[in-house]
N, C-alpha and C. Protein backbone atom coordinates (compact mmCIF):
# COMPACT_ATOMS: atom_id res chain seq x y z
N MET A 1 71.89 -37.51 104.60
CA MET A 1 71.77 -38.37 106.23
C MET A 1 70.34 -37.95 106.35
N ARG A 2 70.04 -39.47 106.61
CA ARG A 2 68.43 -39.48 107.31
C ARG A 2 68.67 -39.84 109.18
N CYS A 3 67.79 -39.14 109.79
CA CYS A 3 67.75 -39.61 111.14
C CYS A 3 66.53 -39.43 111.42
N ALA A 4 66.04 -40.56 112.17
CA ALA A 4 64.69 -41.77 112.33
C ALA A 4 64.52 -41.43 113.65
N ILE A 5 63.13 -41.25 114.35
CA ILE A 5 62.85 -42.27 115.49
C ILE A 5 62.56 -43.25 115.12
N LYS A 6 63.12 -43.78 115.69
CA LYS A 6 62.77 -46.19 115.53
C LYS A 6 61.53 -45.96 116.06
N SER A 7 61.37 -47.50 115.68
CA SER A 7 60.21 -48.38 116.85
C SER A 7 58.91 -47.92 116.38
N TYR A 8 58.87 -47.62 114.66
CA TYR A 8 57.59 -47.14 115.00
C TYR A 8 56.34 -47.97 115.04
N SER A 9 55.18 -47.94 115.68
CA SER A 9 53.92 -47.99 116.38
C SER A 9 52.68 -48.59 115.59
N ALA A 10 51.91 -49.24 115.74
CA ALA A 10 50.61 -49.07 114.89
C ALA A 10 50.04 -47.83 115.37
N GLY A 11 49.42 -47.05 114.30
CA GLY A 11 48.59 -45.92 114.93
C GLY A 11 49.15 -44.69 115.06
N VAL A 12 50.61 -44.62 114.98
CA VAL A 12 51.02 -43.77 115.46
C VAL A 12 51.23 -42.90 114.26
N LYS A 13 51.63 -41.85 114.17
CA LYS A 13 51.68 -40.86 113.26
C LYS A 13 53.11 -40.37 113.02
N ARG A 14 53.35 -40.48 111.19
CA ARG A 14 54.33 -40.12 111.28
C ARG A 14 54.68 -38.87 110.37
N ILE A 15 55.81 -38.05 110.92
CA ILE A 15 56.07 -36.31 109.76
C ILE A 15 57.28 -36.28 109.24
N LEU A 16 57.44 -36.61 108.01
CA LEU A 16 58.55 -36.36 107.22
C LEU A 16 59.29 -34.89 107.44
N ILE A 17 59.76 -34.55 108.36
CA ILE A 17 60.51 -32.88 108.17
C ILE A 17 61.51 -32.71 107.05
N VAL A 18 61.86 -31.72 105.76
CA VAL A 18 62.90 -31.62 105.12
C VAL A 18 63.11 -30.27 105.29
N ASP A 19 64.29 -30.37 106.10
CA ASP A 19 65.43 -29.14 106.16
C ASP A 19 66.91 -29.36 106.18
N ASP A 20 67.70 -28.39 105.98
CA ASP A 20 68.30 -28.24 106.19
C ASP A 20 69.42 -28.32 107.22
N GLU A 21 68.57 -27.30 107.70
CA GLU A 21 69.28 -26.87 108.96
C GLU A 21 69.16 -27.48 110.11
N PRO A 22 69.69 -27.94 111.11
CA PRO A 22 70.02 -29.01 112.27
C PRO A 22 69.52 -28.30 113.12
N ALA A 23 69.61 -26.94 113.33
CA ALA A 23 68.88 -26.44 114.72
C ALA A 23 67.15 -26.36 114.34
N ILE A 24 66.14 -25.90 113.08
CA ILE A 24 65.47 -26.54 112.92
C ILE A 24 64.59 -27.91 112.93
N CYS A 25 66.01 -29.02 112.68
CA CYS A 25 65.55 -30.07 112.69
C CYS A 25 65.14 -30.16 114.28
N GLU A 26 66.04 -30.45 114.54
CA GLU A 26 66.40 -30.54 116.46
C GLU A 26 64.98 -29.92 116.98
N LEU A 27 64.29 -28.71 116.25
CA LEU A 27 63.44 -28.38 117.42
C LEU A 27 62.14 -28.91 117.07
N CYS A 28 62.58 -29.22 115.45
CA CYS A 28 60.88 -29.91 115.36
C CYS A 28 60.92 -31.64 115.85
N GLN A 29 61.82 -32.40 115.84
CA GLN A 29 61.93 -33.16 116.60
C GLN A 29 61.49 -33.21 117.45
N ARG A 30 61.87 -32.43 118.33
CA ARG A 30 61.82 -32.55 119.95
C ARG A 30 60.65 -32.08 120.09
N ILE A 31 59.64 -30.97 119.43
CA ILE A 31 58.75 -30.53 119.95
C ILE A 31 57.40 -31.68 119.43
N LEU A 32 57.90 -32.00 117.87
CA LEU A 32 56.58 -32.95 117.99
C LEU A 32 56.87 -34.27 118.21
N ALA A 33 58.00 -35.15 118.46
CA ALA A 33 57.89 -36.38 119.26
C ALA A 33 57.36 -36.15 120.46
N SER A 34 57.30 -35.16 120.92
CA SER A 34 56.32 -35.01 122.63
C SER A 34 55.62 -34.87 122.49
N GLU A 35 54.80 -34.70 121.31
CA GLU A 35 53.36 -34.87 120.74
C GLU A 35 52.76 -35.96 120.19
N GLN A 36 53.76 -37.01 120.44
CA GLN A 36 53.64 -38.56 120.50
C GLN A 36 53.38 -38.88 118.40
N PHE A 37 54.70 -38.37 117.92
CA PHE A 37 54.26 -37.91 116.37
C PHE A 37 55.71 -38.77 116.39
N GLU A 38 56.32 -39.56 115.08
CA GLU A 38 57.34 -40.21 114.71
C GLU A 38 57.72 -39.39 113.64
N LEU A 39 59.19 -39.03 113.87
CA LEU A 39 59.32 -38.54 112.31
C LEU A 39 60.77 -38.54 111.62
N ASP A 40 60.64 -38.53 110.66
CA ASP A 40 61.90 -38.59 109.51
C ASP A 40 62.79 -37.43 109.25
N ILE A 41 63.74 -36.87 109.13
CA ILE A 41 64.33 -35.90 108.53
C ILE A 41 65.02 -36.17 107.43
N ALA A 42 64.32 -35.40 106.76
CA ALA A 42 65.47 -35.23 104.93
C ALA A 42 66.23 -33.97 105.00
N VAL A 43 67.32 -34.21 104.53
CA VAL A 43 68.21 -32.57 104.24
C VAL A 43 67.88 -31.92 103.06
N ASN A 44 67.36 -32.72 102.17
CA ASN A 44 67.23 -31.91 100.95
C ASN A 44 65.94 -32.67 100.34
N GLY A 45 65.62 -32.33 99.26
CA GLY A 45 64.26 -32.44 98.39
C GLY A 45 64.54 -33.43 97.54
N LYS A 46 65.27 -34.22 97.33
CA LYS A 46 65.57 -35.27 96.66
C LYS A 46 66.06 -36.54 97.56
N ALA A 47 66.20 -36.24 98.82
CA ALA A 47 66.20 -37.51 99.97
C ALA A 47 64.99 -37.97 100.68
N ALA A 48 63.80 -36.74 100.24
CA ALA A 48 62.81 -36.71 100.62
C ALA A 48 61.95 -37.36 99.63
N GLN A 49 62.25 -37.25 98.96
CA GLN A 49 61.41 -37.76 97.53
C GLN A 49 61.53 -39.77 97.65
N GLU A 50 63.22 -39.66 97.41
CA GLU A 50 63.03 -41.33 97.81
C GLU A 50 62.48 -41.72 99.27
N MET A 51 62.50 -41.34 100.34
CA MET A 51 61.98 -41.66 101.27
C MET A 51 60.33 -41.39 101.38
N GLY A 52 59.77 -40.59 100.58
CA GLY A 52 58.49 -40.38 100.13
C GLY A 52 58.14 -41.31 99.63
N ALA A 53 58.34 -42.12 98.46
CA ALA A 53 58.26 -43.33 98.08
C ALA A 53 58.15 -44.68 98.72
N LYS A 54 58.92 -44.47 100.28
CA LYS A 54 58.96 -45.72 100.56
C LYS A 54 58.08 -45.83 101.59
N GLY A 55 57.73 -44.39 102.56
CA GLY A 55 56.58 -44.53 103.46
C GLY A 55 55.55 -43.40 103.43
N GLN A 56 54.98 -43.54 104.44
CA GLN A 56 53.48 -43.24 104.06
C GLN A 56 53.24 -42.27 105.53
N TYR A 57 53.22 -40.58 104.92
CA TYR A 57 53.35 -39.45 106.12
C TYR A 57 52.33 -39.43 106.32
N ALA A 58 52.00 -38.89 107.99
CA ALA A 58 50.40 -38.02 107.78
C ALA A 58 50.54 -36.60 107.36
N LEU A 59 52.01 -36.16 107.39
CA LEU A 59 52.16 -34.70 107.08
C LEU A 59 54.16 -34.55 106.52
N LEU A 60 54.33 -33.85 105.83
CA LEU A 60 55.58 -33.64 105.56
C LEU A 60 55.77 -31.88 105.46
N ILE A 61 56.83 -31.30 106.08
CA ILE A 61 57.15 -30.28 106.52
C ILE A 61 58.56 -30.02 105.72
N ILE A 62 58.13 -29.05 105.23
CA ILE A 62 59.20 -28.95 103.84
C ILE A 62 59.58 -27.32 103.75
N ASP A 63 60.77 -26.97 103.74
CA ASP A 63 61.67 -25.85 103.94
C ASP A 63 61.75 -25.31 102.11
N ILE A 64 61.38 -24.43 101.81
CA ILE A 64 61.40 -24.05 100.32
C ILE A 64 62.57 -23.63 99.92
N ARG A 65 64.15 -23.71 100.74
CA ARG A 65 65.07 -23.29 100.54
C ARG A 65 65.91 -24.84 100.95
N LEU A 66 66.31 -25.25 100.17
CA LEU A 66 66.97 -26.82 99.67
C LEU A 66 68.08 -27.01 98.93
N PRO A 67 69.35 -27.35 99.61
CA PRO A 67 70.10 -27.87 98.59
C PRO A 67 68.99 -28.94 97.51
N ILE A 68 70.29 -29.13 96.22
CA ILE A 68 70.16 -30.19 95.37
C ILE A 68 68.94 -30.21 95.48
N MET A 69 67.21 -30.51 95.84
CA MET A 69 66.07 -30.31 95.44
C MET A 69 65.28 -29.22 95.77
N ASP A 70 65.28 -28.06 96.05
CA ASP A 70 64.29 -27.15 96.78
C ASP A 70 62.68 -27.53 96.84
N GLY A 71 62.30 -26.64 98.00
CA GLY A 71 61.03 -27.28 98.38
C GLY A 71 59.62 -27.47 97.35
N LYS A 72 59.91 -26.38 96.67
CA LYS A 72 58.83 -26.27 95.87
C LYS A 72 59.24 -27.26 94.63
N GLU A 73 60.40 -27.29 93.95
CA GLU A 73 60.71 -28.70 93.44
C GLU A 73 59.71 -30.07 93.81
N LEU A 74 60.43 -30.09 94.96
CA LEU A 74 59.57 -31.21 95.42
C LEU A 74 57.96 -30.95 95.75
N TYR A 75 57.66 -30.00 96.06
CA TYR A 75 56.23 -30.32 95.73
C TYR A 75 55.76 -30.35 94.62
N LEU A 76 56.34 -29.63 93.70
CA LEU A 76 55.86 -30.12 92.15
C LEU A 76 55.36 -31.57 91.60
N TRP A 77 56.87 -32.02 92.19
CA TRP A 77 57.25 -33.43 92.30
C TRP A 77 55.61 -34.33 93.03
N LEU A 78 55.74 -34.19 94.01
CA LEU A 78 54.64 -35.00 94.96
C LEU A 78 53.38 -34.35 94.27
N LYS A 79 53.05 -33.13 93.57
CA LYS A 79 51.68 -32.94 92.52
C LYS A 79 52.07 -33.61 91.52
N GLU A 80 52.84 -34.72 90.77
CA GLU A 80 52.43 -34.84 89.76
C GLU A 80 52.34 -36.42 90.30
N GLU A 81 53.85 -37.40 91.10
CA GLU A 81 53.67 -38.42 91.30
C GLU A 81 53.42 -39.13 92.37
N GLN A 82 52.68 -37.92 93.62
CA GLN A 82 52.06 -38.49 95.14
C GLN A 82 50.98 -37.99 94.88
N PRO A 83 50.26 -37.00 94.23
CA PRO A 83 49.37 -35.60 94.76
C PRO A 83 48.26 -35.72 95.88
N HIS A 84 48.21 -37.46 96.40
CA HIS A 84 47.70 -37.51 97.93
C HIS A 84 48.41 -36.89 98.86
N MET A 85 49.83 -36.89 98.15
CA MET A 85 51.19 -36.49 99.69
C MET A 85 51.00 -34.70 99.47
N ALA A 86 50.57 -34.64 98.56
CA ALA A 86 50.83 -33.48 98.26
C ALA A 86 50.18 -32.10 99.12
N GLY A 87 48.94 -32.34 99.39
CA GLY A 87 47.55 -31.72 100.61
C GLY A 87 47.97 -32.49 101.89
N ARG A 88 49.44 -32.97 102.10
CA ARG A 88 49.98 -33.33 103.34
C ARG A 88 51.37 -32.38 103.55
N VAL A 89 51.14 -31.35 102.60
CA VAL A 89 52.59 -30.62 102.68
C VAL A 89 52.16 -29.18 103.94
N ILE A 90 53.16 -29.00 104.82
CA ILE A 90 53.40 -27.54 105.40
C ILE A 90 54.90 -27.24 104.69
N PHE A 91 54.52 -25.77 104.60
CA PHE A 91 55.93 -25.15 104.30
C PHE A 91 56.54 -24.56 104.91
N THR A 92 57.96 -24.16 105.46
CA THR A 92 58.55 -23.25 106.35
C THR A 92 59.30 -22.39 105.24
N THR A 93 59.12 -21.16 105.87
CA THR A 93 60.92 -20.47 105.04
C THR A 93 61.22 -19.33 105.76
N GLY A 94 62.25 -19.15 105.64
CA GLY A 94 62.78 -17.62 106.19
C GLY A 94 62.75 -16.31 105.07
N SER A 95 62.49 -16.83 103.97
CA SER A 95 61.65 -15.80 102.56
C SER A 95 60.62 -15.21 102.51
N VAL A 96 60.02 -14.16 103.64
CA VAL A 96 58.63 -14.07 103.47
C VAL A 96 58.87 -12.93 102.90
N VAL A 97 60.10 -11.83 102.63
CA VAL A 97 60.05 -10.92 101.29
C VAL A 97 59.91 -10.94 100.23
N ASP A 98 60.81 -12.58 99.94
CA ASP A 98 61.07 -12.67 98.63
C ASP A 98 59.78 -13.25 98.16
N MET A 99 59.25 -11.99 96.74
CA MET A 99 57.92 -12.01 95.91
C MET A 99 57.77 -13.51 95.61
N ASP A 100 58.64 -14.12 94.68
CA ASP A 100 58.54 -15.56 93.97
C ASP A 100 58.38 -16.37 95.27
N THR A 101 59.05 -16.53 96.52
CA THR A 101 58.23 -17.65 97.51
C THR A 101 57.04 -17.30 97.64
N MET A 102 56.83 -16.16 98.25
CA MET A 102 55.43 -15.57 98.94
C MET A 102 53.88 -15.84 97.40
N SER A 103 54.41 -15.26 96.16
CA SER A 103 53.39 -15.80 95.00
C SER A 103 53.53 -18.05 95.22
N PHE A 104 54.54 -18.23 95.26
CA PHE A 104 54.22 -19.66 95.35
C PHE A 104 53.83 -20.28 96.37
N LEU A 105 53.78 -19.98 97.51
CA LEU A 105 52.96 -20.14 98.40
C LEU A 105 51.54 -19.45 98.70
N LYS A 106 51.11 -18.61 97.79
CA LYS A 106 49.96 -19.07 97.90
C LYS A 106 49.39 -19.07 96.61
N GLN A 107 50.37 -19.77 95.65
CA GLN A 107 49.36 -20.24 94.29
C GLN A 107 49.30 -21.84 95.36
N SER A 108 50.29 -22.19 95.76
CA SER A 108 50.24 -23.78 96.37
C SER A 108 48.90 -24.05 97.33
N GLY A 109 48.36 -22.74 97.92
CA GLY A 109 47.47 -23.31 98.86
C GLY A 109 47.59 -24.03 99.94
N ARG A 110 48.50 -23.85 100.44
CA ARG A 110 49.48 -25.00 101.52
C ARG A 110 49.17 -24.02 102.77
N PRO A 111 49.66 -25.14 103.65
CA PRO A 111 50.00 -23.60 105.37
C PRO A 111 51.47 -23.57 104.93
N TRP A 112 51.69 -22.29 105.68
CA TRP A 112 53.35 -22.13 105.91
C TRP A 112 53.80 -21.57 107.27
N LEU A 113 54.74 -21.52 107.85
CA LEU A 113 55.69 -21.19 108.76
C LEU A 113 56.52 -20.27 108.32
N PRO A 114 56.49 -19.10 108.82
CA PRO A 114 57.68 -18.05 108.75
C PRO A 114 58.52 -18.79 109.99
N LYS A 115 59.62 -18.37 109.59
CA LYS A 115 61.51 -18.73 110.64
C LYS A 115 61.25 -17.69 110.83
N PRO A 116 62.02 -17.60 112.14
CA PRO A 116 61.96 -18.52 112.92
C PRO A 116 60.64 -18.81 113.71
N PHE A 117 59.87 -20.17 113.63
CA PHE A 117 58.54 -20.27 114.19
C PHE A 117 58.89 -20.45 116.05
N THR A 118 57.54 -20.75 116.47
CA THR A 118 58.11 -21.19 118.12
C THR A 118 57.15 -22.48 117.76
N PRO A 119 57.43 -23.60 119.16
CA PRO A 119 57.10 -24.73 119.50
C PRO A 119 55.43 -24.59 119.50
N ASP A 120 54.39 -23.43 119.62
CA ASP A 120 53.23 -23.53 120.04
C ASP A 120 52.91 -23.29 118.37
N GLU A 121 53.33 -22.59 117.78
CA GLU A 121 52.83 -21.99 116.45
C GLU A 121 53.28 -23.41 115.44
N LEU A 122 54.31 -24.03 115.73
CA LEU A 122 54.70 -25.58 115.25
C LEU A 122 53.48 -26.52 115.39
N LYS A 123 53.19 -26.48 116.92
CA LYS A 123 51.79 -27.26 117.28
C LYS A 123 51.18 -26.84 116.83
N ALA A 124 50.24 -26.17 116.33
CA ALA A 124 48.95 -25.26 115.81
C ALA A 124 48.76 -25.76 114.75
N ILE A 125 49.86 -25.24 113.56
CA ILE A 125 49.35 -25.87 112.27
C ILE A 125 49.99 -27.53 112.01
N VAL A 126 50.71 -27.77 112.77
CA VAL A 126 50.56 -29.18 112.46
C VAL A 126 49.21 -30.20 112.37
N LYS A 127 48.61 -29.62 113.88
CA LYS A 127 46.92 -30.17 114.39
C LYS A 127 45.87 -30.16 113.40
N GLU A 128 46.18 -28.17 112.95
CA GLU A 128 45.08 -27.81 112.44
C GLU A 128 45.49 -28.79 110.54
N THR A 129 46.81 -29.16 110.15
CA THR A 129 46.85 -28.97 108.99
C THR A 129 46.23 -30.68 108.91
N LEU A 130 46.84 -31.30 110.19
CA LEU A 130 46.21 -33.07 110.35
C LEU A 130 44.43 -32.84 110.22
N GLU A 131 44.07 -31.88 111.31
CA GLU A 131 42.57 -32.10 111.29
C GLU A 131 42.18 -31.96 109.56
N GLU A 132 42.41 -31.00 109.03
CA GLU A 132 41.84 -30.72 107.62
C GLU A 132 42.73 -32.32 106.48
N VAL A 133 43.19 -32.56 106.69
CA VAL A 133 43.68 -33.96 105.47
C VAL A 133 42.99 -35.53 106.23
N GLU A 134 42.40 -35.56 107.41
CA GLU A 134 41.39 -36.30 107.82
C GLU A 134 40.30 -36.49 107.32
N GLN A 135 39.59 -34.82 107.18
CA GLN A 135 38.29 -35.04 107.57
C GLN A 135 37.86 -35.97 106.25
């Protein structure tokens, strides 16, 4: 499944949301579209791989736990195949007590949001990460 806001405009930043939870996708879409971002949504890492190969994204917001290919596998693939995109990743996770997940997040050095997150938390991490990658 691929949902996207169409009519891409020049200069508008695109974000790929990789999450299999419809409520999270809808929240991200509503909040970030109101901030003038254009969004694509992939429901698993494999779909995100295909979309990432076709499009250029300002950021990728990736859930750690996904079907088919999880967020860890997707990130490792990005580091190998598209290293410039690996530096544009923000992770989300509901598994903050899982030691493997916490270890991975620390090792990646990428920003992350624990689920559930607020609209303000989402906007803040997106803004901070964009500022970081655009320097």
